[in-house]
Amino acid sequence: MDARTTGTDAATTEIRVPADAPARRRPPVRRPALLLGVAAAGALLANVLVAPDPAAEAQAGTSETVTVAQALGLPARTGPAAEAPPVQPEDLQPLAALAASRGTREAAEAAAAQAQAGADQAARDAQAAAEAQAAAEAQAAAEAQAAAEAQAAAEAAQAQAAAEAEQAEQAAAAEQESGGTAPAASSSSSASSSSSATGTTASRVARITNTSGPVRAVVQAAADAVVSNVPGAASITLGGTRASATDPGGHPSGLALDYMVMSDTALGDAIVQYHIAHWDELGVDYLIYEQKMLSSPGGSWSQMEDRGSATANHYDHVHVNYTG
């Protein structure tokens, strides 16, 4: 038997093998405990070499204390705090001056704001007044224009009425010159004449509208008698001379009057009857009223042709031609 030995960490064991036993290879021996021990020893060694110093670690965990004085850059004082000195009145003067300056500034700002508000209100009031004045002026201008237009229309209507009256008078004069009919007076005319006023005494002076000189004396006297004796005749318009008239024996020569009774037919009839009753005393030549003409106090009315308007047909006035 050969002797073979195997070495371990603690001792060496001798194993005897018989001489006639065949030689064979033994499998490797595995020792887990040994490997675990080696690994634990290595880990412990790494921890010792890498871990920080406990004292340094404790020192790093402590925060440093900084005082207010150090933060402001002031020298630190040690020992008991010093007693603050008493406040003197002169020390408060800057503070009082500052407060007074602030109050003055605030008062000035308030006054400026108030002045600005007053100026703004004054500007608004001035603008409103200007607008009101402009509106009043525009209204006055419009009223003046309307009045001027109304006056122009009235003058145009008056001129047209005068022209139509002149045409009617010319036609009447032409009819009279051509020998117009003068039949006997009707009973109604006689009755009306008898009931008319009988006096021709004038107590008033008639106001005649003349545009081409005065009327003849006989016409003025007749008009004075009419306005004095026919009630209501003094309040109407009497048209005398007109330069635009073309009848030579009428308005241009001062021998005709238009008694403008307008729609008062009762007054028109009264004026007509007064002239019929005092034909010779008043110096009447002929009468025209309501599209009819009378050439003598004892005659009858003759119908005239239609000339288109109330004025041209003598529905709004009595036309009287007097003898010169």
C-alpha atoms as a PDB file:
ATOM      1  CA  MET A   1       0.000   0.000   0.000  1.00  0.00           C
ATOM      2  CA  ASP A   2       1.340   3.409  -1.022  1.00  0.00           C
ATOM      3  CA  ALA A   3       0.960   6.213   1.338  1.00  0.00           C
ATOM      4  CA  ARG A   4      -0.640   9.467  -0.142  1.00  0.00           C
ATOM      5  CA  THR A   5      -1.275  12.573   1.735  1.00  0.00           C
ATOM      6  CA  THR A   6      -3.870  15.382   1.350  1.00  0.00           C
ATOM      7  CA  GLY A   7      -3.215  18.842   2.767  1.00  0.00           C
ATOM      8  CA  THR A   8      -5.874  21.038   4.500  1.00  0.00           C
ATOM      9  CA  ASP A   9      -5.714  24.293   6.434  1.00  0.00           C
ATOM     10  CA  ALA A  10      -5.557  22.572   9.911  1.00  0.00           C
ATOM     11  CA  ALA A  11      -3.605  19.293   9.490  1.00  0.00           C
ATOM     12  CA  THR A  12      -2.428  16.643   7.064  1.00  0.00           C
ATOM     13  CA  THR A  13      -4.136  13.232   6.973  1.00  0.00           C
ATOM     14  CA  GLU A  14      -2.309  10.160   5.690  1.00  0.00           C
ATOM     15  CA  ILE A  15      -4.397   7.807   3.605  1.00  0.00           C
ATOM     16  CA  ARG A  16      -3.086   4.308   2.893  1.00  0.00           C
ATOM     17  CA  VAL A  17      -4.090   2.674  -0.380  1.00  0.00           C
ATOM     18  CA  PRO A  18      -3.606  -1.049  -1.034  1.00  0.00           C
ATOM     19  CA  ALA A  19      -0.809  -1.863  -3.420  1.00  0.00           C
ATOM     20  CA  ASP A  20      -2.910  -3.916  -5.702  1.00  0.00           C
ATOM     21  CA  ALA A  21      -5.700  -1.256  -6.001  1.00  0.00           C
ATOM     22  CA  PRO A  22      -5.868   0.439  -9.362  1.00  0.00           C
ATOM     23  CA  ALA A  23      -4.954   4.038  -9.478  1.00  0.00           C
ATOM     24  CA  ARG A  24      -7.961   6.535 -10.022  1.00  0.00           C
ATOM     25  CA  ARG A  25      -8.455  10.312 -10.103  1.00  0.00           C
ATOM     26  CA  ARG A  26     -10.322  11.788  -7.189  1.00  0.00           C
ATOM     27  CA  PRO A  27     -12.941  14.612  -7.813  1.00  0.00           C
ATOM     28  CA  PRO A  28     -12.088  18.077  -6.506  1.00  0.00           C
ATOM     29  CA  VAL A  29     -13.266  18.850  -3.000  1.00  0.00           C
ATOM     30  CA  ARG A  30     -15.654  21.832  -2.658  1.00  0.00           C
ATOM     31  CA  ARG A  31     -15.793  23.748   0.631  1.00  0.00           C
ATOM     32  CA  PRO A  32     -18.734  26.320   0.677  1.00  0.00           C
ATOM     33  CA  ALA A  33     -18.049  27.431   4.220  1.00  0.00           C
ATOM     34  CA  LEU A  34     -14.552  28.442   3.310  1.00  0.00           C
ATOM     35  CA  LEU A  35     -15.776  30.533   0.373  1.00  0.00           C
ATOM     36  CA  LEU A  36     -18.375  32.314   2.485  1.00  0.00           C
ATOM     37  CA  GLY A  37     -15.810  33.156   5.096  1.00  0.00           C
ATOM     38  CA  VAL A  38     -13.470  34.665   2.551  1.00  0.00           C
ATOM     39  CA  ALA A  39     -16.296  36.794   1.083  1.00  0.00           C
ATOM     40  CA  ALA A  40     -17.300  38.098   4.510  1.00  0.00           C
ATOM     41  CA  ALA A  41     -13.739  39.042   5.340  1.00  0.00           C
ATOM     42  CA  GLY A  42     -13.430  40.974   2.083  1.00  0.00           C
ATOM     43  CA  ALA A  43     -16.613  42.895   2.671  1.00  0.00           C
ATOM     44  CA  LEU A  44     -15.515  43.878   6.155  1.00  0.00           C
ATOM     45  CA  LEU A  45     -12.182  45.085   4.862  1.00  0.00           C
ATOM     46  CA  ALA A  46     -13.856  47.241   2.159  1.00  0.00           C
ATOM     47  CA  ASN A  47     -16.148  48.836   4.726  1.00  0.00           C
ATOM     48  CA  VAL A  48     -13.216  49.752   6.932  1.00  0.00           C
ATOM     49  CA  LEU A  49     -11.301  51.323   4.094  1.00  0.00           C
ATOM     50  CA  VAL A  50     -14.186  53.319   2.477  1.00  0.00           C
ATOM     51  CA  ALA A  51     -16.446  54.417   5.431  1.00  0.00           C
ATOM     52  CA  PRO A  52     -15.983  58.084   6.603  1.00  0.00           C
ATOM     53  CA  ASP A  53     -14.708  59.064   9.972  1.00  0.00           C
ATOM     54  CA  PRO A  54     -17.566  59.101  12.528  1.00  0.00           C
ATOM     55  CA  ALA A  55     -16.227  62.271  14.140  1.00  0.00           C
ATOM     56  CA  ALA A  56     -16.049  64.060  10.825  1.00  0.00           C
ATOM     57  CA  GLU A  57     -19.534  62.895  10.006  1.00  0.00           C
ATOM     58  CA  ALA A  58     -20.865  64.213  13.313  1.00  0.00           C
ATOM     59  CA  GLN A  59     -19.119  67.523  12.717  1.00  0.00           C
ATOM     60  CA  ALA A  60     -20.611  67.819   9.219  1.00  0.00           C
ATOM     61  CA  GLY A  61     -24.138  67.299  10.580  1.00  0.00           C
ATOM     62  CA  THR A  62     -23.894  70.267  12.916  1.00  0.00           C
ATOM     63  CA  SER A  63     -25.138  73.607  11.234  1.00  0.00           C
ATOM     64  CA  GLU A  64     -23.207  76.739  11.771  1.00  0.00           C
ATOM     65  CA  THR A  65     -25.067  79.533  13.660  1.00  0.00           C
ATOM     66  CA  VAL A  66     -24.958  83.062  12.010  1.00  0.00           C
ATOM     67  CA  THR A  67     -26.012  86.114  13.998  1.00  0.00           C
ATOM     68  CA  VAL A  68     -27.969  89.115  12.658  1.00  0.00           C
ATOM     69  CA  ALA A  69     -24.980  91.339  13.221  1.00  0.00           C
ATOM     70  CA  GLN A  70     -22.777  89.084  11.123  1.00  0.00           C
ATOM     71  CA  ALA A  71     -25.437  89.052   8.355  1.00  0.00           C
ATOM     72  CA  LEU A  72     -25.534  92.866   8.315  1.00  0.00           C
ATOM     73  CA  GLY A  73     -21.759  93.163   8.442  1.00  0.00           C
ATOM     74  CA  LEU A  74     -21.702  94.739  11.885  1.00  0.00           C
ATOM     75  CA  PRO A  75     -19.121  93.940  14.516  1.00  0.00           C
ATOM     76  CA  ALA A  76     -20.368  91.421  17.020  1.00  0.00           C
ATOM     77  CA  ARG A  77     -20.711  92.547  20.589  1.00  0.00           C
ATOM     78  CA  THR A  78     -20.121  90.315  23.514  1.00  0.00           C
ATOM     79  CA  GLY A  79     -21.371  90.710  26.986  1.00  0.00           C
ATOM     80  CA  PRO A  80     -24.630  92.288  28.160  1.00  0.00           C
ATOM     81  CA  ALA A  81     -26.642  94.458  25.722  1.00  0.00           C
ATOM     82  CA  ALA A  82     -25.927  98.159  25.900  1.00  0.00           C
ATOM     83  CA  GLU A  83     -28.756 100.396  27.087  1.00  0.00           C
ATOM     84  CA  ALA A  84     -30.319 102.515  24.277  1.00  0.00           C
ATOM     85  CA  PRO A  85     -29.908 106.281  24.707  1.00  0.00           C
ATOM     86  CA  PRO A  86     -33.099 108.295  25.386  1.00  0.00           C
ATOM     87  CA  VAL A  87     -34.888 109.891  22.405  1.00  0.00           C
ATOM     88  CA  GLN A  88     -34.434 113.656  22.262  1.00  0.00           C
ATOM     89  CA  PRO A  89     -37.017 116.119  20.727  1.00  0.00           C
ATOM     90  CA  GLU A  90     -34.514 117.271  18.154  1.00  0.00           C
ATOM     91  CA  ASP A  91     -34.200 113.676  17.004  1.00  0.00           C
ATOM     92  CA  LEU A  92     -37.904 113.682  16.093  1.00  0.00           C
ATOM     93  CA  GLN A  93     -37.726 116.911  14.058  1.00  0.00           C
ATOM     94  CA  PRO A  94     -36.763 115.202  10.755  1.00  0.00           C
ATOM     95  CA  LEU A  95     -39.634 112.759  11.196  1.00  0.00           C
ATOM     96  CA  ALA A  96     -42.060 115.593  11.917  1.00  0.00           C
ATOM     97  CA  ALA A  97     -40.763 117.528   8.906  1.00  0.00           C
ATOM     98  CA  LEU A  98     -41.233 114.476   6.738  1.00  0.00           C
ATOM     99  CA  ALA A  99     -44.795 114.001   7.965  1.00  0.00           C
ATOM    100  CA  ALA A 100     -45.587 117.699   7.385  1.00  0.00           C
ATOM    101  CA  SER A 101     -44.096 117.546   3.890  1.00  0.00           C
ATOM    102  CA  ARG A 102     -46.212 114.521   3.076  1.00  0.00           C
ATOM    103  CA  GLY A 103     -49.367 116.223   4.379  1.00  0.00           C
ATOM    104  CA  THR A 104     -48.610 119.353   2.344  1.00  0.00           C
ATOM    105  CA  ARG A 105     -48.036 117.274  -0.776  1.00  0.00           C
ATOM    106  CA  GLU A 106     -51.298 115.384  -0.293  1.00  0.00           C
ATOM    107  CA  ALA A 107     -53.183 118.661   0.237  1.00  0.00           C
ATOM    108  CA  ALA A 108     -51.627 120.114  -2.932  1.00  0.00           C
ATOM    109  CA  GLU A 109     -52.576 117.025  -4.896  1.00  0.00           C
ATOM    110  CA  ALA A 110     -56.155 117.194  -3.619  1.00  0.00           C
ATOM    111  CA  ALA A 111     -56.382 120.895  -4.517  1.00  0.00           C
ATOM    112  CA  ALA A 112     -54.995 120.216  -7.993  1.00  0.00           C
ATOM    113  CA  ALA A 113     -57.484 117.401  -8.528  1.00  0.00           C
ATOM    114  CA  GLN A 114     -60.335 119.648  -7.402  1.00  0.00           C
ATOM    115  CA  ALA A 115     -59.172 122.452  -9.701  1.00  0.00           C
ATOM    116  CA  GLN A 116     -58.932 120.033 -12.620  1.00  0.00           C
ATOM    117  CA  ALA A 117     -62.456 118.745 -11.921  1.00  0.00           C
ATOM    118  CA  GLY A 118     -63.727 122.338 -11.844  1.00  0.00           C
ATOM    119  CA  ALA A 119     -61.999 123.112 -15.129  1.00  0.00           C
ATOM    120  CA  ASP A 120     -63.476 119.999 -16.739  1.00  0.00           C
ATOM    121  CA  GLN A 121     -66.969 120.918 -15.521  1.00  0.00           C
ATOM    122  CA  ALA A 122     -66.552 124.470 -16.795  1.00  0.00           C
ATOM    123  CA  ALA A 123     -65.498 123.132 -20.192  1.00  0.00           C
ATOM    124  CA  ARG A 124     -68.552 120.858 -20.303  1.00  0.00           C
ATOM    125  CA  ASP A 125     -70.831 123.737 -19.292  1.00  0.00           C
ATOM    126  CA  ALA A 126     -69.321 125.969 -21.971  1.00  0.00           C
ATOM    127  CA  GLN A 127     -69.782 123.270 -24.593  1.00  0.00           C
ATOM    128  CA  ALA A 128     -73.402 122.718 -23.537  1.00  0.00           C
ATOM    129  CA  ALA A 129     -74.060 126.467 -23.648  1.00  0.00           C
ATOM    130  CA  ALA A 130     -72.513 126.711 -27.115  1.00  0.00           C
ATOM    131  CA  GLU A 131     -74.634 123.826 -28.352  1.00  0.00           C
ATOM    132  CA  ALA A 132     -77.773 125.377 -26.854  1.00  0.00           C
ATOM    133  CA  GLN A 133     -76.960 128.734 -28.441  1.00  0.00           C
ATOM    134  CA  ALA A 134     -76.330 127.091 -31.805  1.00  0.00           C
ATOM    135  CA  ALA A 135     -79.639 125.240 -31.551  1.00  0.00           C
ATOM    136  CA  ALA A 136     -81.459 128.454 -30.615  1.00  0.00           C
ATOM    137  CA  GLU A 137     -79.852 130.314 -33.514  1.00  0.00           C
ATOM    138  CA  ALA A 138     -80.752 127.517 -35.901  1.00  0.00           C
ATOM    139  CA  GLN A 139     -84.343 127.534 -34.643  1.00  0.00           C
ATOM    140  CA  ALA A 140     -84.521 131.325 -34.935  1.00  0.00           C
ATOM    141  CA  ALA A 141     -83.134 131.157 -38.464  1.00  0.00           C
ATOM    142  CA  ALA A 142     -85.674 128.492 -39.382  1.00  0.00           C
ATOM    143  CA  GLU A 143     -88.515 130.560 -37.911  1.00  0.00           C
ATOM    144  CA  ALA A 144     -87.284 133.668 -39.719  1.00  0.00           C
ATOM    145  CA  GLN A 145     -87.090 131.748 -42.976  1.00  0.00           C
ATOM    146  CA  ALA A 146     -90.578 130.344 -42.450  1.00  0.00           C
ATOM    147  CA  ALA A 147     -91.907 133.828 -41.681  1.00  0.00           C
ATOM    148  CA  ALA A 148     -90.215 135.227 -44.778  1.00  0.00           C
ATOM    149  CA  GLU A 149     -91.673 132.464 -46.901  1.00  0.00           C
ATOM    150  CA  ALA A 150     -95.126 133.039 -45.428  1.00  0.00           C
ATOM    151  CA  GLN A 151     -94.852 136.775 -46.053  1.00  0.00           C
ATOM    152  CA  ALA A 152     -93.681 136.180 -49.598  1.00  0.00           C
ATOM    153  CA  ALA A 153     -96.581 133.798 -50.170  1.00  0.00           C
ATOM    154  CA  ALA A 154     -99.021 136.326 -48.749  1.00  0.00           C
ATOM    155  CA  GLU A 155     -97.606 139.076 -50.932  1.00  0.00           C
ATOM    156  CA  ALA A 156     -97.781 136.808 -53.958  1.00  0.00           C
ATOM    157  CA  ALA A 157    -101.378 135.925 -53.171  1.00  0.00           C
ATOM    158  CA  GLN A 158    -102.218 139.586 -52.691  1.00  0.00           C
ATOM    159  CA  ALA A 159    -100.539 140.497 -55.957  1.00  0.00           C
ATOM    160  CA  GLN A 160    -102.419 137.715 -57.736  1.00  0.00           C
ATOM    161  CA  ALA A 161    -105.695 138.855 -56.204  1.00  0.00           C
ATOM    162  CA  ALA A 162    -104.989 142.418 -57.275  1.00  0.00           C
ATOM    163  CA  ALA A 163    -104.196 141.283 -60.790  1.00  0.00           C
ATOM    164  CA  GLU A 164    -107.402 139.256 -60.981  1.00  0.00           C
ATOM    165  CA  ALA A 165    -109.394 142.182 -59.634  1.00  0.00           C
ATOM    166  CA  GLU A 166    -107.883 144.455 -62.248  1.00  0.00           C
ATOM    167  CA  GLN A 167    -108.772 142.019 -64.986  1.00  0.00           C
ATOM    168  CA  ALA A 168    -112.323 141.834 -63.716  1.00  0.00           C
ATOM    169  CA  GLU A 169    -112.595 145.610 -63.550  1.00  0.00           C
ATOM    170  CA  GLN A 170    -111.237 145.965 -67.052  1.00  0.00           C
ATOM    171  CA  ALA A 171    -113.805 143.506 -68.295  1.00  0.00           C
ATOM    172  CA  ALA A 172    -116.564 145.371 -66.452  1.00  0.00           C
ATOM    173  CA  ALA A 173    -115.430 148.676 -67.889  1.00  0.00           C
ATOM    174  CA  ALA A 174    -115.357 147.160 -71.360  1.00  0.00           C
ATOM    175  CA  GLU A 175    -118.866 145.835 -70.923  1.00  0.00           C
ATOM    176  CA  GLN A 176    -120.101 149.204 -69.742  1.00  0.00           C
ATOM    177  CA  GLU A 177    -118.491 151.025 -72.673  1.00  0.00           C
ATOM    178  CA  SER A 178    -120.008 148.561 -75.120  1.00  0.00           C
ATOM    179  CA  GLY A 179    -123.488 149.455 -73.880  1.00  0.00           C
ATOM    180  CA  GLY A 180    -124.253 146.938 -71.174  1.00  0.00           C
ATOM    181  CA  THR A 181    -127.834 146.077 -70.376  1.00  0.00           C
ATOM    182  CA  ALA A 182    -129.561 148.290 -67.836  1.00  0.00           C
ATOM    183  CA  PRO A 183    -133.075 146.940 -67.347  1.00  0.00           C
ATOM    184  CA  ALA A 184    -135.502 148.320 -64.851  1.00  0.00           C
ATOM    185  CA  ALA A 185    -134.830 147.810 -61.194  1.00  0.00           C
ATOM    186  CA  SER A 186    -136.336 144.703 -59.609  1.00  0.00           C
ATOM    187  CA  SER A 187    -138.641 144.780 -56.656  1.00  0.00           C
ATOM    188  CA  SER A 188    -136.004 143.186 -54.442  1.00  0.00           C
ATOM    189  CA  SER A 189    -133.509 145.937 -55.236  1.00  0.00           C
ATOM    190  CA  SER A 190    -136.081 148.568 -54.436  1.00  0.00           C
ATOM    191  CA  ALA A 191    -136.876 146.950 -51.142  1.00  0.00           C
ATOM    192  CA  SER A 192    -133.210 146.678 -50.261  1.00  0.00           C
ATOM    193  CA  SER A 193    -132.656 150.309 -51.195  1.00  0.00           C
ATOM    194  CA  SER A 194    -135.479 151.478 -49.018  1.00  0.00           C
ATOM    195  CA  SER A 195    -134.113 149.564 -46.060  1.00  0.00           C
ATOM    196  CA  SER A 196    -130.548 150.891 -46.427  1.00  0.00           C
ATOM    197  CA  ALA A 197    -129.081 153.807 -44.526  1.00  0.00           C
ATOM    198  CA  THR A 198    -130.236 157.229 -45.661  1.00  0.00           C
ATOM    199  CA  GLY A 199    -127.523 159.543 -44.301  1.00  0.00           C
ATOM    200  CA  THR A 200    -124.189 160.364 -45.956  1.00  0.00           C
ATOM    201  CA  THR A 201    -122.785 162.454 -43.163  1.00  0.00           C
ATOM    202  CA  ALA A 202    -119.231 161.347 -42.406  1.00  0.00           C
ATOM    203  CA  SER A 203    -118.063 161.093 -38.823  1.00  0.00           C
ATOM    204  CA  ARG A 204    -114.913 159.142 -39.631  1.00  0.00           C
ATOM    205  CA  VAL A 205    -112.064 159.359 -42.087  1.00  0.00           C
ATOM    206  CA  ALA A 206    -111.590 156.178 -44.089  1.00  0.00           C
ATOM    207  CA  ARG A 207    -108.085 154.747 -44.230  1.00  0.00           C
ATOM    208  CA  ILE A 208    -107.439 153.799 -47.848  1.00  0.00           C
ATOM    209  CA  THR A 209    -104.463 151.749 -48.985  1.00  0.00           C
ATOM    210  CA  ASN A 210    -102.912 153.562 -51.944  1.00  0.00           C
ATOM    211  CA  THR A 211     -99.765 152.558 -53.787  1.00  0.00           C
ATOM    212  CA  SER A 212     -99.927 155.078 -56.635  1.00  0.00           C
ATOM    213  CA  GLY A 213    -100.888 158.411 -55.144  1.00  0.00           C
ATOM    214  CA  PRO A 214    -104.081 159.465 -53.343  1.00  0.00           C
ATOM    215  CA  VAL A 215    -107.592 158.788 -54.560  1.00  0.00           C
ATOM    216  CA  ARG A 216    -109.838 161.548 -55.876  1.00  0.00           C
ATOM    217  CA  ALA A 217    -111.709 163.717 -53.381  1.00  0.00           C
ATOM    218  CA  VAL A 218    -115.073 162.250 -54.384  1.00  0.00           C
ATOM    219  CA  VAL A 219    -113.766 158.741 -53.633  1.00  0.00           C
ATOM    220  CA  GLN A 220    -112.386 159.760 -50.246  1.00  0.00           C
ATOM    221  CA  ALA A 221    -115.687 161.425 -49.335  1.00  0.00           C
ATOM    222  CA  ALA A 222    -117.672 158.352 -50.377  1.00  0.00           C
ATOM    223  CA  ALA A 223    -115.363 156.079 -48.351  1.00  0.00           C
ATOM    224  CA  ASP A 224    -115.718 158.361 -45.312  1.00  0.00           C
ATOM    225  CA  ALA A 225    -119.507 158.121 -45.593  1.00  0.00           C
ATOM    226  CA  VAL A 226    -119.422 154.307 -45.922  1.00  0.00           C
ATOM    227  CA  VAL A 227    -117.198 153.695 -42.877  1.00  0.00           C
ATOM    228  CA  SER A 228    -119.266 156.183 -40.865  1.00  0.00           C
ATOM    229  CA  ASN A 229    -122.724 154.778 -41.704  1.00  0.00           C
ATOM    230  CA  VAL A 230    -122.293 151.058 -42.501  1.00  0.00           C
ATOM    231  CA  PRO A 231    -121.571 149.025 -39.356  1.00  0.00           C
ATOM    232  CA  GLY A 232    -118.385 146.993 -39.703  1.00  0.00           C
ATOM    233  CA  ALA A 233    -117.059 148.840 -42.747  1.00  0.00           C
ATOM    234  CA  ALA A 234    -114.460 150.725 -40.732  1.00  0.00           C
ATOM    235  CA  SER A 235    -112.649 147.499 -39.793  1.00  0.00           C
ATOM    236  CA  ILE A 236    -111.966 146.191 -43.312  1.00  0.00           C
ATOM    237  CA  THR A 237    -109.258 147.012 -45.851  1.00  0.00           C
ATOM    238  CA  LEU A 238    -110.030 149.592 -48.566  1.00  0.00           C
ATOM    239  CA  GLY A 239    -107.895 149.275 -51.680  1.00  0.00           C
ATOM    240  CA  GLY A 240    -107.343 152.521 -53.600  1.00  0.00           C
ATOM    241  CA  THR A 241    -104.825 153.416 -56.270  1.00  0.00           C
ATOM    242  CA  ARG A 242    -102.545 150.792 -57.825  1.00  0.00           C
ATOM    243  CA  ALA A 243     -99.935 151.431 -60.460  1.00  0.00           C
ATOM    244  CA  SER A 244    -100.327 147.903 -61.797  1.00  0.00           C
ATOM    245  CA  ALA A 245    -103.994 148.430 -62.691  1.00  0.00           C
ATOM    246  CA  THR A 246    -104.752 148.852 -66.380  1.00  0.00           C
ATOM    247  CA  ASP A 247    -108.320 150.214 -66.284  1.00  0.00           C
ATOM    248  CA  PRO A 248    -107.801 153.916 -66.973  1.00  0.00           C
ATOM    249  CA  GLY A 249    -111.077 154.993 -65.373  1.00  0.00           C
ATOM    250  CA  GLY A 250    -110.599 152.922 -62.193  1.00  0.00           C
ATOM    251  CA  HIS A 251    -107.713 152.372 -59.775  1.00  0.00           C
ATOM    252  CA  PRO A 252    -104.922 154.084 -61.763  1.00  0.00           C
ATOM    253  CA  SER A 253    -106.905 157.318 -61.931  1.00  0.00           C
ATOM    254  CA  GLY A 254    -107.956 157.206 -58.273  1.00  0.00           C
ATOM    255  CA  LEU A 255    -111.656 156.679 -59.022  1.00  0.00           C
ATOM    256  CA  ALA A 256    -112.148 153.098 -57.706  1.00  0.00           C
ATOM    257  CA  LEU A 257    -112.259 151.396 -54.336  1.00  0.00           C
ATOM    258  CA  ASP A 258    -112.214 147.736 -53.312  1.00  0.00           C
ATOM    259  CA  TYR A 259    -114.099 147.070 -50.074  1.00  0.00           C
ATOM    260  CA  MET A 260    -112.442 143.789 -48.925  1.00  0.00           C
ATOM    261  CA  VAL A 261    -115.247 142.059 -47.032  1.00  0.00           C
ATOM    262  CA  MET A 262    -113.693 138.618 -47.642  1.00  0.00           C
ATOM    263  CA  SER A 263    -116.253 135.969 -46.550  1.00  0.00           C
ATOM    264  CA  ASP A 264    -118.564 138.416 -44.740  1.00  0.00           C
ATOM    265  CA  THR A 265    -121.341 138.483 -47.357  1.00  0.00           C
ATOM    266  CA  ALA A 266    -123.723 140.335 -45.000  1.00  0.00           C
ATOM    267  CA  LEU A 267    -121.289 143.242 -44.811  1.00  0.00           C
ATOM    268  CA  GLY A 268    -120.800 143.105 -48.577  1.00  0.00           C
ATOM    269  CA  ASP A 269    -124.560 143.298 -49.140  1.00  0.00           C
ATOM    270  CA  ALA A 270    -124.842 146.230 -46.710  1.00  0.00           C
ATOM    271  CA  ILE A 271    -122.125 148.192 -48.541  1.00  0.00           C
ATOM    272  CA  VAL A 272    -123.790 147.489 -51.874  1.00  0.00           C
ATOM    273  CA  GLN A 273    -127.212 148.605 -50.612  1.00  0.00           C
ATOM    274  CA  TYR A 274    -125.744 151.768 -49.108  1.00  0.00           C
ATOM    275  CA  HIS A 275    -124.262 152.731 -52.488  1.00  0.00           C
ATOM    276  CA  ILE A 276    -127.541 151.967 -54.276  1.00  0.00           C
ATOM    277  CA  ALA A 277    -129.479 154.057 -51.790  1.00  0.00           C
ATOM    278  CA  HIS A 278    -127.083 157.033 -52.161  1.00  0.00           C
ATOM    279  CA  TRP A 279    -125.993 156.512 -55.759  1.00  0.00           C
ATOM    280  CA  ASP A 280    -125.979 160.141 -56.853  1.00  0.00           C
ATOM    281  CA  GLU A 281    -124.830 161.534 -53.511  1.00  0.00           C
ATOM    282  CA  LEU A 282    -121.800 159.291 -53.477  1.00  0.00           C
ATOM    283  CA  GLY A 283    -121.121 159.723 -57.207  1.00  0.00           C
ATOM    284  CA  VAL A 284    -121.321 156.009 -58.053  1.00  0.00           C
ATOM    285  CA  ASP A 285    -120.549 154.939 -61.617  1.00  0.00           C
ATOM    286  CA  TYR A 286    -121.056 151.142 -61.282  1.00  0.00           C
ATOM    287  CA  LEU A 287    -120.796 148.276 -58.756  1.00  0.00           C
ATOM    288  CA  ILE A 288    -119.354 144.760 -59.087  1.00  0.00           C
ATOM    289  CA  TYR A 289    -120.013 142.074 -56.480  1.00  0.00           C
ATOM    290  CA  GLU A 290    -120.311 138.267 -56.533  1.00  0.00           C
ATOM    291  CA  GLN A 291    -119.678 137.983 -60.291  1.00  0.00           C
ATOM    292  CA  LYS A 292    -122.440 140.524 -61.104  1.00  0.00           C
ATOM    293  CA  MET A 293    -122.336 144.154 -62.198  1.00  0.00           C
ATOM    294  CA  LEU A 294    -124.817 146.963 -61.538  1.00  0.00           C
ATOM    295  CA  SER A 295    -124.590 150.082 -63.690  1.00  0.00           C
ATOM    296  CA  SER A 296    -127.491 152.161 -62.291  1.00  0.00           C
ATOM    297  CA  PRO A 297    -129.460 152.360 -59.056  1.00  0.00           C
ATOM    298  CA  GLY A 298    -132.715 151.484 -60.813  1.00  0.00           C
ATOM    299  CA  GLY A 299    -131.269 148.749 -62.994  1.00  0.00           C
ATOM    300  CA  SER A 300    -130.679 145.045 -62.457  1.00  0.00           C
ATOM    301  CA  TRP A 301    -127.569 143.015 -61.962  1.00  0.00           C
ATOM    302  CA  SER A 302    -125.928 141.498 -65.015  1.00  0.00           C
ATOM    303  CA  GLN A 303    -124.074 138.216 -64.723  1.00  0.00           C
ATOM    304  CA  MET A 304    -120.385 138.233 -65.590  1.00  0.00           C
ATOM    305  CA  GLU A 305    -118.278 135.456 -67.003  1.00  0.00           C
ATOM    306  CA  ASP A 306    -116.394 133.124 -64.665  1.00  0.00           C
ATOM    307  CA  ARG A 307    -112.792 134.274 -64.276  1.00  0.00           C
ATOM    308  CA  GLY A 308    -111.658 131.329 -62.136  1.00  0.00           C
ATOM    309  CA  SER A 309    -111.131 132.624 -58.586  1.00  0.00           C
ATOM    310  CA  ALA A 310    -113.041 134.273 -55.774  1.00  0.00           C
ATOM    311  CA  THR A 311    -111.078 137.491 -56.137  1.00  0.00           C
ATOM    312  CA  ALA A 312    -111.384 137.657 -59.934  1.00  0.00           C
ATOM    313  CA  ASN A 313    -115.119 137.025 -59.624  1.00  0.00           C
ATOM    314  CA  HIS A 314    -115.455 139.627 -56.846  1.00  0.00           C
ATOM    315  CA  TYR A 315    -116.725 137.231 -54.200  1.00  0.00           C
ATOM    316  CA  ASP A 316    -114.390 138.591 -51.523  1.00  0.00           C
ATOM    317  CA  HIS A 317    -114.745 142.326 -52.185  1.00  0.00           C
ATOM    318  CA  VAL A 318    -117.123 144.945 -53.487  1.00  0.00           C
ATOM    319  CA  HIS A 319    -115.685 147.004 -56.331  1.00  0.00           C
ATOM    320  CA  VAL A 320    -117.098 150.523 -56.724  1.00  0.00           C
ATOM    321  CA  ASN A 321    -116.189 152.901 -59.547  1.00  0.00           C
ATOM    322  CA  TYR A 322    -116.974 156.549 -58.867  1.00  0.00           C
ATOM    323  CA  THR A 323    -117.511 159.359 -61.373  1.00  0.00           C
ATOM    324  CA  GLY A 324    -114.923 162.050 -61.667  1.00  0.00           C
END
